């Protein structure tokens, strides 16, 4: 299973943040990456500065014949298409696509691809949608399920679903 986190807190070519994350899924599908499912869209405060615009976040499951590094290049191309400008870390952005997991592989390329995503277990805006989409997914290193990882987080103000039903 391939899992990708999506997030946006700035308008871009597709429109406001909610339109940006949906456009990212459409752009992946247009490039031959099958979108198998997604969580609901969630809202979360910007971090580290909650005064910045709030984020729309979600997690999608994908299918692709591309190897992980190639898929990461496709994710970066979609980000560029949707107005992502890489500047300072954790800056507001039009779109953010993070490769969370690729079939349970563990990869550590210095200065490059890291699987599973190294900060996956710290982020409520990733873990809550992940646990919703695939509650029994297991972290390739810790072996903990998405549900168990989400349960380890302290409650986070403002991390809540935008939609009433899962997609």
Foldseek 3Di string as FASTA:
>chain_A
DWKKKKKAFQAFPQGGLVSLRVVLQVLCVVVVKAFPFKWFWKWAAQPPDSVGGIMTMIMTDIDDPDPPQVVVVSSVVSQVVRPFDDDDPSDHGGMDMATQADPLDADDDVVDDGPNPPCQLPDLSNLVNQCRVFVQDARSPPRDGSVVSNVPDDDHPRTGGPDDDGD
